[in-house]
Each structure stands twice: as structure tokens, then as C-alpha cells.
Protein backbone atom coordinates (compact mmCIF):
# COMPACT_ATOMS: atom_id res chain seq x y z
CA UNK A 1 -108.38 -39.74 -42.83
CA UNK A 2 -107.29 -43.09 -41.54
CA UNK A 3 -108.04 -45.31 -38.57
CA UNK A 4 -107.97 -48.97 -37.64
CA UNK A 5 -111.50 -49.18 -39.00
CA UNK A 6 -112.21 -48.46 -42.68
CA UNK A 7 -113.26 -45.00 -43.91
CA UNK A 8 -117.01 -45.13 -43.74
CA UNK A 9 -118.72 -44.20 -46.98
CA UNK A 10 -122.02 -45.46 -45.61
CA UNK A 11 -122.57 -45.50 -41.83
CA UNK A 12 -126.08 -46.83 -41.59
CA UNK A 13 -126.44 -46.13 -37.91
CA UNK A 14 -125.37 -42.51 -38.29
CA UNK A 15 -127.52 -42.07 -41.40
CA UNK A 16 -130.56 -43.32 -39.49
CA UNK A 17 -130.17 -40.48 -36.99
CA UNK A 18 -130.50 -37.94 -39.79
CA UNK A 19 -133.47 -39.61 -41.43
CA UNK A 20 -136.76 -37.76 -41.22
CA UNK A 21 -135.18 -34.92 -39.25
CA UNK A 22 -135.78 -31.30 -40.26
CA UNK A 23 -132.91 -30.12 -42.45
CA UNK A 24 -131.91 -26.52 -43.19
CA UNK A 25 -133.94 -24.71 -45.80
CA UNK A 26 -133.06 -25.54 -49.37
CA UNK A 27 -130.37 -23.48 -51.07
CA UNK A 28 -130.62 -22.72 -54.77
CA UNK A 29 -128.14 -24.82 -56.75
CA UNK A 30 -125.10 -22.90 -57.99
CA UNK A 31 -125.47 -24.04 -61.57
CA UNK A 32 -129.15 -23.08 -61.63
CA UNK A 33 -128.77 -19.48 -60.44
CA UNK A 34 -125.36 -18.54 -59.04
CA UNK A 35 -126.48 -15.09 -57.92
CA UNK A 36 -129.46 -16.48 -56.00
CA UNK A 37 -127.28 -19.26 -54.54
CA UNK A 38 -124.87 -16.62 -53.24
CA UNK A 39 -127.68 -14.60 -51.64
CA UNK A 40 -129.21 -17.75 -50.13
CA UNK A 41 -125.90 -18.68 -48.52
CA UNK A 42 -125.33 -15.18 -47.13
CA UNK A 43 -128.79 -15.12 -45.57
CA UNK A 44 -129.20 -18.72 -44.42
CA UNK A 45 -125.72 -19.03 -42.96
CA UNK A 46 -126.57 -15.83 -41.03
CA UNK A 47 -123.60 -13.91 -42.36
CA UNK A 48 -125.44 -10.73 -43.25
CA UNK A 49 -128.83 -9.05 -43.21
CA UNK A 50 -130.42 -6.15 -45.05
CA UNK A 51 -130.95 -2.83 -43.30
CA UNK A 52 -133.58 -0.16 -43.89
CA UNK A 53 -131.05 1.86 -45.94
CA UNK A 54 -130.64 0.53 -49.45
CA UNK A 55 -127.12 -0.75 -50.10
CA UNK A 56 -126.17 -0.84 -46.42
CA UNK A 57 -125.95 -4.23 -44.75
CA UNK A 58 -125.80 -5.61 -41.23
CA UNK A 59 -122.82 -7.86 -40.53
CA UNK A 60 -124.23 -10.60 -38.33
CA UNK A 61 -122.00 -12.21 -35.66
CA UNK A 62 -120.96 -15.20 -37.78
CA UNK A 63 -120.07 -13.05 -40.78
CA UNK A 64 -118.33 -10.44 -38.64
CA UNK A 65 -116.32 -13.19 -36.91
CA UNK A 66 -114.85 -14.20 -40.28
CA UNK A 67 -113.79 -10.58 -40.82
CA UNK A 68 -112.31 -10.43 -37.30
CA UNK A 69 -110.15 -13.47 -38.02
CA UNK A 70 -108.97 -11.91 -41.30
CA UNK A 71 -108.34 -8.61 -39.55
CA UNK A 72 -106.35 -10.25 -36.77
CA UNK A 73 -103.98 -12.00 -39.17
CA UNK A 74 -103.57 -9.07 -41.57
CA UNK A 75 -103.00 -6.70 -38.67
CA UNK A 76 -100.28 -9.01 -37.38
CA UNK A 77 -98.61 -9.02 -40.79
CA UNK A 78 -98.89 -5.24 -41.19
CA UNK A 79 -97.25 -4.66 -37.83
CA UNK A 80 -94.55 -7.21 -38.64
CA UNK A 81 -93.66 -5.05 -41.66
CA UNK A 82 -93.40 -1.90 -39.53
CA UNK A 83 -96.86 -0.37 -40.00
CA UNK A 84 -98.77 1.43 -37.25
CA UNK A 85 -102.53 1.81 -36.87
CA UNK A 86 -104.13 5.26 -36.77
CA UNK A 87 -107.67 6.62 -36.99
CA UNK A 88 -108.72 9.48 -39.25
CA UNK A 89 -111.99 11.47 -39.23
CA UNK A 90 -114.87 10.16 -41.31
CA UNK A 91 -115.69 13.61 -42.78
CA UNK A 92 -113.62 15.36 -45.44
CA UNK A 93 -114.11 19.08 -46.14
CA UNK A 94 -114.96 19.67 -49.79
CA UNK A 95 -112.08 22.14 -50.13
CA UNK A 96 -109.65 19.45 -48.97
CA UNK A 97 -111.05 16.87 -51.35
CA UNK A 98 -110.73 19.30 -54.28
CA UNK A 99 -106.95 19.63 -53.87
CA UNK A 100 -106.24 16.52 -55.99
CA UNK A 101 -108.21 16.97 -59.21
CA UNK A 102 -107.96 13.46 -60.68
CA UNK A 103 -108.76 11.88 -57.35
CA UNK A 104 -111.91 13.88 -56.69
CA UNK A 105 -113.18 13.45 -60.25
CA UNK A 106 -112.85 9.67 -59.90
CA UNK A 107 -114.91 9.57 -56.71
CA UNK A 108 -117.39 12.40 -57.38
CA UNK A 109 -120.28 10.13 -58.53
CA UNK A 110 -119.97 8.02 -55.36
CA UNK A 111 -119.63 10.78 -52.77
CA UNK A 112 -122.25 11.29 -50.06
CA UNK A 113 -122.35 14.76 -48.54
CA UNK A 114 -123.20 16.19 -45.12
CA UNK A 115 -124.74 19.65 -45.47
CA UNK A 116 -126.29 20.19 -42.04
CA UNK A 117 -124.82 20.09 -38.54
CA UNK A 118 -127.76 19.74 -36.21
CA UNK A 119 -130.33 22.23 -37.51
CA UNK A 120 -127.82 24.60 -39.07
CA UNK A 121 -126.67 24.51 -42.66
CA UNK A 122 -122.90 24.13 -42.89
CA UNK A 123 -120.82 26.80 -44.58
CA UNK A 124 -118.91 24.03 -46.38
CA UNK A 125 -120.05 20.57 -47.41
CA UNK A 126 -118.38 17.54 -45.86
CA UNK A 127 -117.87 14.33 -47.79
CA UNK A 128 -118.31 11.07 -45.89
CA UNK A 129 -114.99 9.40 -46.67
CA UNK A 130 -114.97 7.13 -49.73
CA UNK A 131 -111.22 6.71 -49.03
CA UNK A 132 -108.76 8.71 -46.98
CA UNK A 133 -105.82 9.83 -49.12
CA UNK A 134 -106.63 13.52 -48.66
CA UNK A 135 -107.00 13.21 -44.88
CA UNK A 136 -103.65 11.46 -44.59
CA UNK A 137 -102.00 14.07 -46.79
CA UNK A 138 -103.33 16.90 -44.63
CA UNK A 139 -101.85 15.14 -41.59
CA UNK A 140 -98.56 14.27 -43.27
CA UNK A 141 -98.06 17.93 -44.21
CA UNK A 142 -98.03 18.73 -40.49
CA UNK A 143 -95.68 15.98 -39.34
CA UNK A 144 -93.20 15.41 -42.20
CA UNK A 145 -90.38 17.95 -42.25
CA UNK A 146 -87.11 16.04 -42.56
CA UNK A 147 -85.85 12.89 -44.25
CA UNK A 148 -85.54 11.57 -40.68
CA UNK A 149 -89.36 11.62 -40.47
CA UNK A 150 -89.60 9.09 -43.28
CA UNK A 151 -90.89 6.59 -44.04
CA UNK A 152 -94.35 7.00 -42.53
CA UNK A 153 -96.06 3.61 -42.52
CA UNK A 154 -99.68 4.05 -41.40
CA UNK A 155 -102.80 1.91 -41.65
CA UNK A 156 -106.36 2.32 -40.45
CA UNK A 157 -109.27 -0.08 -39.98
CA UNK A 158 -112.57 1.66 -40.67
CA UNK A 159 -115.67 1.82 -42.83
CA UNK A 160 -116.05 3.94 -45.95
CA UNK A 161 -119.07 5.14 -47.89
CA UNK A 162 -119.50 4.99 -51.66
CA UNK A 163 -122.96 5.67 -53.09
CA UNK A 164 -123.16 2.66 -55.37
CA UNK A 165 -126.17 2.40 -57.66
CA UNK A 166 -126.47 -1.37 -57.23
CA UNK A 167 -125.52 -3.52 -54.26
CA UNK A 168 -124.85 -7.15 -53.37
CA UNK A 169 -123.95 -8.65 -50.00
CA UNK A 170 -120.19 -8.36 -49.32
CA UNK A 171 -119.37 -7.62 -52.96
CA UNK A 172 -120.79 -4.12 -53.37
CA UNK A 173 -121.96 -2.16 -50.35
CA UNK A 174 -122.52 1.55 -50.02
CA UNK A 175 -120.85 1.31 -46.62
CA UNK A 176 -118.26 -1.40 -46.15
CA UNK A 177 -115.49 -2.38 -43.76
CA UNK A 178 -111.88 -2.36 -44.87
CA UNK A 179 -108.33 -1.42 -44.04
CA UNK A 180 -106.46 1.28 -45.88
CA UNK A 181 -102.71 1.65 -45.66
CA UNK A 182 -101.16 5.04 -46.47
CA UNK A 183 -97.40 5.46 -46.54
CA UNK A 184 -94.89 8.19 -47.41
CA UNK A 185 -91.32 7.59 -48.60
CA UNK A 186 -88.25 9.64 -49.39
CA UNK A 187 -87.75 8.16 -52.87
CA UNK A 188 -89.81 6.75 -55.72
CA UNK A 189 -87.92 3.46 -55.49
CA UNK A 190 -88.82 2.98 -51.83
CA UNK A 191 -92.48 3.77 -52.55
CA UNK A 192 -92.68 1.35 -55.47
CA UNK A 193 -91.04 -1.36 -53.35
CA UNK A 194 -93.63 -0.73 -50.64
CA UNK A 195 -96.46 -0.94 -53.19
CA UNK A 196 -95.28 -4.32 -54.44
CA UNK A 197 -94.47 -5.58 -50.94
CA UNK A 198 -98.03 -4.97 -49.74
CA UNK A 199 -99.45 -6.52 -52.90
CA UNK A 200 -97.48 -9.66 -52.04
CA UNK A 201 -98.80 -9.57 -48.46
CA UNK A 202 -102.33 -9.63 -49.89
CA UNK A 203 -101.52 -12.38 -52.37
CA UNK A 204 -99.91 -14.58 -49.72
CA UNK A 205 -102.81 -13.98 -47.35
CA UNK A 206 -105.36 -14.98 -49.99
CA UNK A 207 -103.50 -18.17 -50.77
CA UNK A 208 -102.22 -19.19 -47.32
CA UNK A 209 -105.26 -18.23 -45.24
CA UNK A 210 -108.25 -18.04 -47.60
CA UNK A 211 -107.15 -20.89 -49.93
CA UNK A 212 -107.82 -18.57 -52.90
CA UNK A 213 -105.21 -18.72 -55.71
CA UNK A 214 -104.43 -15.30 -57.16
CA UNK A 215 -102.98 -13.70 -60.26
CA UNK A 216 -100.71 -10.76 -59.42
CA UNK A 217 -100.67 -7.94 -61.90
CA UNK A 218 -100.84 -4.26 -62.77
CA UNK A 219 -103.95 -2.41 -63.92
CA UNK A 220 -104.20 -0.55 -67.22
CA UNK A 221 -104.39 3.24 -67.12
CA UNK A 222 -108.14 2.99 -67.67
CA UNK A 223 -108.64 0.71 -64.67
CA UNK A 224 -106.11 2.18 -62.22
CA UNK A 225 -107.13 4.04 -59.06
CA UNK A 226 -108.03 7.72 -59.41
CA UNK A 227 -104.89 9.80 -58.90
CA UNK A 228 -102.47 6.84 -58.96
CA UNK A 229 -99.50 6.45 -61.26
CA UNK A 230 -99.75 2.67 -61.02
CA UNK A 231 -102.26 0.29 -59.47
CA UNK A 232 -101.28 -3.29 -58.68
CA UNK A 233 -103.89 -5.95 -57.95
CA UNK A 234 -104.59 -9.54 -57.04
CA UNK A 235 -107.28 -11.13 -59.21
CA UNK A 236 -109.14 -14.30 -58.27
CA UNK A 237 -111.50 -16.57 -60.18
CA UNK A 238 -114.77 -17.61 -58.62
CA UNK A 239 -116.60 -20.90 -59.07
CA UNK A 240 -118.77 -19.36 -61.80
CA UNK A 241 -115.61 -18.42 -63.75
CA UNK A 242 -116.07 -14.72 -63.08
CA UNK A 243 -113.24 -12.51 -61.84
CA UNK A 244 -112.99 -10.89 -58.43
CA UNK A 245 -110.52 -8.12 -57.63
CA UNK A 246 -109.44 -9.20 -54.16
CA UNK A 247 -107.05 -6.40 -53.26
CA UNK A 248 -105.23 -3.40 -54.68
CA UNK A 249 -102.01 -1.51 -53.96
CA UNK A 250 -101.37 1.92 -55.46
CA UNK A 251 -98.26 3.96 -56.20
CA UNK A 252 -99.06 7.70 -56.30
CA UNK A 253 -95.64 9.13 -57.01
CA UNK A 254 -95.40 12.66 -55.61
CA UNK A 255 -98.64 13.94 -57.14
CA UNK A 256 -100.57 14.17 -53.87
CA UNK A 257 -97.52 15.57 -52.07
CA UNK A 258 -97.30 18.40 -54.61
CA UNK A 259 -101.03 19.09 -54.45
CA UNK A 260 -100.88 19.30 -50.65
CA UNK A 261 -97.47 21.01 -50.56
CA UNK A 262 -95.85 18.27 -48.48
CA UNK A 263 -92.06 18.72 -48.43
CA UNK A 264 -89.12 17.47 -46.44
CA UNK A 265 -85.50 18.47 -46.16
CA UNK A 266 -83.35 15.69 -47.55
CA UNK A 267 -79.89 14.58 -46.50
CA UNK A 268 -78.63 16.90 -49.27
CA UNK A 269 -80.21 19.83 -47.39
CA UNK A 270 -82.62 20.42 -50.30
CA UNK A 271 -86.43 20.37 -50.24
CA UNK A 272 -88.13 17.33 -51.78
CA UNK A 273 -91.64 15.98 -52.16
CA UNK A 274 -92.20 12.52 -50.63
CA UNK A 275 -93.61 9.62 -52.64
CA UNK A 276 -96.87 8.03 -51.56
CA UNK A 277 -98.64 4.66 -51.58
CA UNK A 278 -102.02 3.36 -50.49
CA UNK A 279 -103.37 -0.19 -50.38
CA UNK A 280 -106.48 -1.93 -49.11
CA UNK A 281 -108.66 -5.00 -48.84
CA UNK A 282 -112.24 -5.14 -47.62
CA UNK A 283 -115.06 -7.41 -46.54
CA UNK A 284 -115.37 -8.21 -50.25
CA UNK A 285 -112.93 -11.01 -49.40
CA UNK A 286 -115.74 -12.76 -47.52
CA UNK A 287 -117.74 -12.77 -50.75
CA UNK A 288 -114.67 -14.21 -52.46
CA UNK A 289 -114.50 -17.07 -49.94
CA UNK A 290 -118.16 -17.88 -50.47
CA UNK A 291 -117.95 -17.87 -54.28
CA UNK A 292 -114.63 -19.72 -54.45
CA UNK A 293 -115.33 -22.57 -52.06
CA UNK A 294 -119.07 -22.84 -51.40
CA UNK A 295 -121.18 -25.69 -52.76
CA UNK A 296 -124.85 -26.55 -53.10
CA UNK A 297 -125.03 -27.33 -49.37
CA UNK A 298 -123.78 -23.89 -48.37
CA UNK A 299 -120.52 -22.47 -47.07
CA UNK A 300 -117.18 -24.24 -47.11
CA UNK A 301 -114.90 -22.14 -44.92
CA UNK A 302 -111.09 -22.16 -44.98
CA UNK A 303 -110.03 -23.49 -41.57
CA UNK A 304 -107.59 -20.65 -40.87
CA UNK A 305 -110.31 -17.98 -40.82
CA UNK A 306 -113.36 -20.09 -39.90
CA UNK A 307 -115.03 -18.78 -36.71
CA UNK A 308 -115.65 -22.38 -35.68
CA UNK A 309 -113.00 -24.86 -36.84
CA UNK A 310 -114.56 -27.86 -35.10
CA UNK A 311 -118.09 -28.46 -33.86
CA UNK A 312 -118.51 -31.18 -31.22
CA UNK A 313 -121.87 -32.98 -31.21
CA UNK A 314 -122.95 -35.37 -28.43
CA UNK A 315 -124.92 -38.30 -29.86
CA UNK A 316 -127.72 -39.77 -27.70
CA UNK A 317 -126.89 -37.01 -25.28
CA UNK A 318 -129.63 -38.02 -22.88
CA UNK A 319 -127.60 -41.07 -21.90
CA UNK A 320 -125.28 -40.89 -18.89
CA UNK A 321 -121.89 -39.32 -19.43
CA UNK A 322 -122.31 -38.35 -23.09
CA UNK A 323 -122.47 -34.57 -22.61
CA UNK A 324 -119.58 -34.75 -20.17
CA UNK A 325 -117.53 -36.70 -22.71
CA UNK A 326 -118.34 -34.15 -25.43
CA UNK A 327 -117.36 -31.31 -23.08
CA UNK A 328 -114.08 -33.10 -22.46
CA UNK A 329 -113.35 -33.18 -26.19
CA UNK A 330 -114.16 -29.48 -26.46
CA UNK A 331 -111.85 -28.64 -23.56
CA UNK A 332 -109.00 -30.65 -25.06
CA UNK A 333 -109.33 -29.00 -28.45
CA UNK A 334 -109.56 -25.51 -26.96
CA UNK A 335 -106.40 -26.19 -24.98
CA UNK A 336 -104.74 -27.19 -28.27
CA UNK A 337 -105.63 -23.78 -29.74
CA UNK A 338 -108.59 -24.87 -31.87
CA UNK A 339 -111.69 -22.68 -32.27
CA UNK A 340 -114.35 -25.16 -31.18
CA UNK A 341 -118.05 -25.14 -30.34
CA UNK A 342 -120.04 -27.73 -28.38
CA UNK A 343 -123.67 -27.97 -29.45
CA UNK A 344 -125.57 -29.76 -26.69
CA UNK A 345 -128.90 -28.18 -27.61
CA UNK A 346 -132.01 -30.34 -27.82
CA UNK A 347 -132.20 -30.04 -31.61
CA UNK A 348 -132.18 -33.32 -33.53
CA UNK A 349 -128.80 -34.68 -34.71
CA UNK A 350 -129.87 -34.57 -38.35
CA UNK A 351 -130.71 -30.87 -38.06
CA UNK A 352 -127.32 -30.19 -36.49
CA UNK A 353 -125.49 -32.13 -39.22
CA UNK A 354 -127.15 -30.08 -41.94
CA UNK A 355 -126.84 -26.78 -40.04
CA UNK A 356 -123.09 -26.95 -39.49
CA UNK A 357 -122.53 -28.27 -42.98
CA UNK A 358 -124.40 -25.25 -44.32
CA UNK A 359 -122.34 -22.96 -42.08
CA UNK A 360 -119.15 -24.41 -43.54
CA UNK A 361 -117.56 -25.64 -40.29
CA UNK A 362 -114.44 -27.54 -41.45
CA UNK A 363 -114.73 -30.51 -39.05
CA UNK A 364 -117.56 -32.19 -37.18
CA UNK A 365 -116.65 -34.39 -34.21
CA UNK A 366 -119.29 -36.72 -32.76
CA UNK A 367 -119.24 -38.86 -29.65
CA UNK A 368 -121.91 -41.21 -28.31
CA UNK A 369 -122.20 -44.13 -25.86
CA UNK A 370 -120.70 -46.71 -28.23
CA UNK A 371 -117.83 -44.34 -29.07
CA UNK A 372 -117.15 -43.89 -25.37
CA UNK A 373 -116.97 -47.64 -24.88
CA UNK A 374 -114.48 -47.97 -27.74
CA UNK A 375 -112.54 -44.81 -26.74
CA UNK A 376 -113.07 -43.22 -30.13
CA UNK A 377 -114.88 -40.36 -31.78
CA UNK A 378 -116.33 -39.89 -35.24
CA UNK A 379 -114.95 -37.10 -37.46
CA UNK A 380 -116.49 -35.75 -40.68
CA UNK A 381 -114.79 -33.32 -43.11
CA UNK A 382 -116.82 -30.52 -44.66
CA UNK A 383 -114.73 -30.20 -47.83
CA UNK A 384 -114.84 -33.81 -48.99
CA UNK A 385 -117.51 -35.37 -46.79
CA UNK A 386 -114.98 -38.01 -45.78
CA UNK A 387 -115.68 -39.65 -42.41
CA UNK A 388 -113.82 -41.94 -40.01
CA UNK A 389 -113.56 -43.15 -36.45
CA UNK A 390 -110.52 -41.76 -34.65
CA UNK A 391 -109.04 -42.98 -31.33
CA UNK A 392 -109.56 -40.41 -28.58
CA UNK A 393 -105.86 -40.51 -27.79
CA UNK A 394 -105.18 -39.14 -31.29
CA UNK A 395 -107.81 -36.40 -31.25
CA UNK A 396 -105.59 -33.29 -31.12
CA UNK A 397 -103.00 -34.53 -33.61
CA UNK A 398 -105.65 -35.76 -36.03
CA UNK A 399 -107.62 -32.51 -35.91
CA UNK A 400 -104.48 -30.40 -36.47
CA UNK A 401 -103.47 -32.57 -39.41
CA UNK A 402 -106.95 -32.52 -40.94
CA UNK A 403 -107.31 -28.75 -40.71
CA UNK A 404 -104.11 -28.35 -42.72
CA UNK A 405 -105.21 -31.01 -45.20
CA UNK A 406 -108.56 -29.27 -45.66
CA UNK A 407 -106.83 -25.95 -46.43
CA UNK A 408 -104.51 -27.63 -48.93
CA UNK A 409 -107.36 -29.48 -50.61
CA UNK A 410 -109.52 -26.35 -50.86
CA UNK A 411 -106.62 -24.44 -52.41
CA UNK A 412 -105.96 -27.28 -54.87
CA UNK A 413 -109.60 -27.38 -55.96
CA UNK A 414 -109.72 -23.61 -56.44
CA UNK A 415 -106.44 -23.67 -58.37
CA UNK A 416 -107.80 -26.41 -60.62
CA UNK A 417 -110.84 -24.25 -61.36
CA UNK A 418 -108.49 -21.40 -62.28
CA UNK A 419 -106.23 -23.56 -64.44
CA UNK A 420 -109.14 -25.29 -66.19
CA UNK A 421 -110.62 -21.91 -67.13
CA UNK A 422 -107.46 -20.02 -68.08
CA UNK A 423 -107.12 -19.73 -71.85
CA UNK A 424 -104.86 -18.16 -74.45
CA UNK A 425 -106.11 -16.49 -77.63
CA UNK A 426 -104.66 -14.58 -80.54
CA UNK A 427 -107.70 -13.01 -82.19
CA UNK A 428 -110.81 -11.15 -81.10
CA UNK A 429 -112.97 -13.97 -82.44
CA UNK A 430 -111.08 -16.54 -80.34
CA UNK A 431 -111.52 -14.46 -77.19
CA UNK A 432 -115.24 -14.12 -77.83
CA UNK A 433 -115.68 -17.82 -78.57
CA UNK A 434 -113.82 -18.87 -75.41
CA UNK A 435 -115.73 -16.49 -73.15
CA UNK A 436 -119.13 -17.47 -74.58
CA UNK A 437 -118.36 -21.20 -74.55
CA UNK A 438 -117.15 -21.16 -70.95
CA UNK A 439 -119.44 -18.42 -69.62
CA UNK A 440 -116.40 -16.55 -68.39
CA UNK A 441 -112.87 -17.56 -67.55
CA UNK A 442 -109.59 -15.68 -67.94
CA UNK A 443 -108.23 -15.15 -71.44
CA UNK A 444 -104.59 -14.24 -71.97
CA UNK A 445 -103.64 -12.24 -75.06
CA UNK A 446 -101.08 -9.70 -76.18
CA UNK A 447 -102.06 -6.03 -76.05
CA UNK A 448 -100.76 -2.98 -77.86
CA UNK A 449 -101.50 -0.63 -74.95
CA UNK A 450 -104.18 1.31 -76.82
CA UNK A 451 -107.26 2.51 -74.95
CA UNK A 452 -109.28 2.08 -78.13
CA UNK A 453 -108.40 -1.62 -78.28
CA UNK A 454 -109.22 -2.03 -74.58
CA UNK A 455 -112.63 -0.41 -75.08
CA UNK A 456 -113.26 -2.55 -78.16
CA UNK A 457 -112.78 -5.68 -76.06
CA UNK A 458 -115.52 -4.50 -73.72
CA UNK A 459 -117.85 -3.46 -76.52
CA UNK A 460 -117.41 -6.45 -78.84
CA UNK A 461 -116.67 -9.30 -76.39
CA UNK A 462 -118.02 -8.10 -73.05
CA UNK A 463 -114.74 -8.53 -71.14
CA UNK A 464 -112.63 -6.02 -69.25
CA UNK A 465 -108.90 -5.97 -68.62
CA UNK A 466 -108.22 -7.67 -65.31
CA UNK A 467 -104.48 -7.06 -65.14
CA UNK A 468 -101.15 -7.19 -66.90
CA UNK A 469 -99.40 -10.04 -65.04
CA UNK A 470 -96.29 -9.06 -63.12
CA UNK A 471 -94.51 -12.00 -64.73
CA UNK A 472 -94.36 -10.83 -68.35
CA UNK A 473 -93.15 -13.36 -70.91
CA UNK A 474 -91.47 -10.76 -73.10
CA UNK A 475 -92.48 -12.77 -76.17
CA UNK A 476 -93.77 -10.90 -79.21
CA UNK A 477 -97.27 -11.32 -80.57
CA UNK A 478 -100.15 -9.37 -82.08
CA UNK A 479 -102.87 -7.36 -80.40
CA UNK A 480 -106.13 -9.28 -81.05
CA UNK A 481 -108.00 -6.08 -81.86
CA UNK A 482 -105.73 -4.02 -84.12
CA UNK A 483 -103.16 -6.66 -85.08
CA UNK A 484 -100.22 -4.49 -84.05
CA UNK A 485 -97.01 -6.28 -83.05
CA UNK A 486 -96.52 -6.00 -79.27
CA UNK A 487 -95.07 -7.80 -76.22
CA UNK A 488 -97.38 -6.89 -73.32
CA UNK A 489 -99.25 -9.82 -71.77
CA UNK A 490 -102.74 -9.02 -70.50
CA UNK A 491 -105.59 -11.00 -68.95
CA UNK A 492 -109.24 -10.37 -69.81
CA UNK A 493 -112.23 -11.53 -67.83
CA UNK A 494 -115.87 -10.99 -66.99
């Protein structure tokens, strides 16, 4: 930030306003108790609240607004790639769910069942959808008959229910919000291309809108989605050096199509089974934002999904013309397409400073009587704390520039955290030492492909396979567990 005046590291007059004012409640420091810090931020920033049903949360307006901004952008990108939104029932008959054996076995422990309709016991149980592959397949069987009916590119925005044993806000809910894409294609090649294309949509969205650097990869057979031939994923690293699976994209081959007897007449006049994909991201991404960018003062929100990009605060608002001047700034920024809030409440300035800092608002714009005289305003950045006076004539251009700079800086800081905690090892002992020394991180090794070696990593080191990166080096090396010569690159994490 620049202006004709210097960047103010210490503005005594502004500091005085904050002195002795009530600040927001203290938030546990990240390095003291990261889990408690995360919960504190979720509660005190009013993102979420607990309901009377264990594992089910209330999305408060501020938290839901973040999801709405994500949804709006992702929906735009889905439609730009030819996808259409649909809505499927929330209940799945047990007989329908049983048609794909691997799929139902994978979800059985998490299924919640409806056994009564009103006061009458149902003849068949209904599962509250944990995901909707079977529902889409039932529908596709009715509408796909010819190669001219393909591809089918559908998506739905909904909630799903998985009866998790433990829960955490945003990261693990029994009921959570998400989108699930389900597509059908004439050939395996088209379906695989779709799977990778949507993975890249997720990766680009994480990086370009959430400022979260990702590692793109493929899951091992042990970790892939139930019923899938291949599962692709984007993996992110949080501030505490733990991994977060931010999104997945699955290639099913024609397994579901065969189970549901979905066929189409091809251009060769022969019957074929279509090839299927599904892909999804959820409100878990909000948890990822919090854990990637937040600090000891609370949220730090990426400008491109922040519900409020700029908060305008009138200083000495009881003096003539101050509120009107602040309203003028708000109107100008709104006209420029900025999501802006004017806070002209009677709360003390110091309280407001701390409140909007804790809520992660990217920019704070202040204006008072002296600023009006000098035709300037005072702007503070949430990400760096940097502050400066800015001429009113340059308000819109400065805010637009700063919002982009904030995104770029947040991404750079998150990428540095990833790079600083990304290691390479050749032996089991090295992996264990690195993980224990750094309390997490990503460790790259070679892997022979054996399930036994994958399980040994979990048992002896406490790490799981995160993904096999899409960009494989092809170089030879040895599996750190069994010592077998192999070429597959794999990343392990906590």
C-alpha cells in the first residue's frame, strides 16, 4: 500500500481510539491447541452453531454466506463446462442401494434408515442418501437409450447424511452441504477425461478463489471411493501441517451401468454400457479456509469468497457529515462491484476493529473529520496488518488492487507452508523421524503398490497415503517398507 504519506506502522491517534475498549473474546492460540483454536474461531466468528442432534450443525448466516459465494462460482464453472443442475430424492430404497455391492458395503456403517412413514411401519427401509450414485443410475436407465442421449452431465446441490461417530464443525458432520456431479459417457476415454477435467476445476477453484495450494493425485485402491475404479483428489496442507482432502473425482467405469442394466445403442447399432463419473466438494472447504489462513486473531478470509470484502467504519461519527461521508464510500464501492458493509452502530471503534479482524474481513476503510478535510480515507489490510492513508479519488482502484494483492499474498503464504513441510524420504525410519519432528507434513517416497506396505506405514508411522501425484517422475527407487525396486511416487501425511 502506498500513498503520499508514509505507511503507518504506529498511528498513535488511531491506537488511542482502541485503547481501553472492549475487544472480542480471547481465542486460543493456534500453537497452544489447534483444535480448540479452530472451534473458537467457528463459534466466535458466528460461522456455525451446535444443534440438539449430535453431529448436526447450524450454518449461521456468515458461514452460510461463504458457502453461497463458493456455490455461485462453482455453479458458474459447472455450467460453463456443459453441466445441468437437477434434484434427486433424499430417500433411497434399500433394494436400490443393494444393486451395487461394493458401493453399499462401503457406506453401510454410515447409513441412517427410515423405517416408519407416519405411524405405519414401511414394507422396505429407506436410506437417507449418503451419496446419490444409485438414484442417478435408476434415472439414467430410464432416459439413456441411444448414443445420441450421451453424454449426460448432471449436478445437484443438496445435503447428505452419514452417521459419523465423531464430528467437528465443517470438517466432519453427520449432515453436510455439498454438490455432487454425476455423468454418463459413451466411452471409457470420455469418462476418464471428464473425471480429470472436474478434478482440475476443483484444483483451480481452490487456488484461484480460496488461495489454497493443492496437490493433484490419485488415491490408492485402499483409499478410493466405494465402487470406483479410480479416485482422483486434491490434497491441501493446513497450518498445523495436517492434510485435508479438499475434493474428489471418481471414475466408475461401467460397473454401475451393468449393475443397473443401463444400456444404449451405439453408432455401430450394438448395445453398450455407458461409463460413469461422480465428483464432489462440500462445506469442508470452509474448514480448509479457516485452517489454512486463520491466525491467532481469528479468520483471514480470501477476498474472492469473503461475504464482506470491505467494512467501512465512520470515526467520530457523532460529528457532522461523518456518517454521510462513510455512506458515500459504501455506495461508491458497491457500484464498483465490491461486497461492502457500513457499520455505523454505536459500538466503540476499538470493538469494531477487533470484531472485523476476527471475522476475517479483508479490508477495513475508516473515515473521520480530519480525513474528510484532507479528502482521504484510512485503509487497513487483514492479512498483513499494513495500513495507509489513501486519497478518496483513488478509493475504487486502490481497493480493487489490494483485494488482488491480498489473495496473492495469502496464496504465497500457504504455498510456503506447503513447501517448507514437504519432505522426501527413502526409508521407514526417515519417514517416521520427519513426521515426528515436524508434527505432520507431507512425505514423498516410492511405493511398491502393496497393501501390506501401505498398512505398515499406518501402523508403524501413523501416516496414511494421501495420493499418488498425477505428475509421476518415473524415476526408480525402493519402497521404504519392503525395499522392493519400484517407480511409483506417493505422498504420505497425517
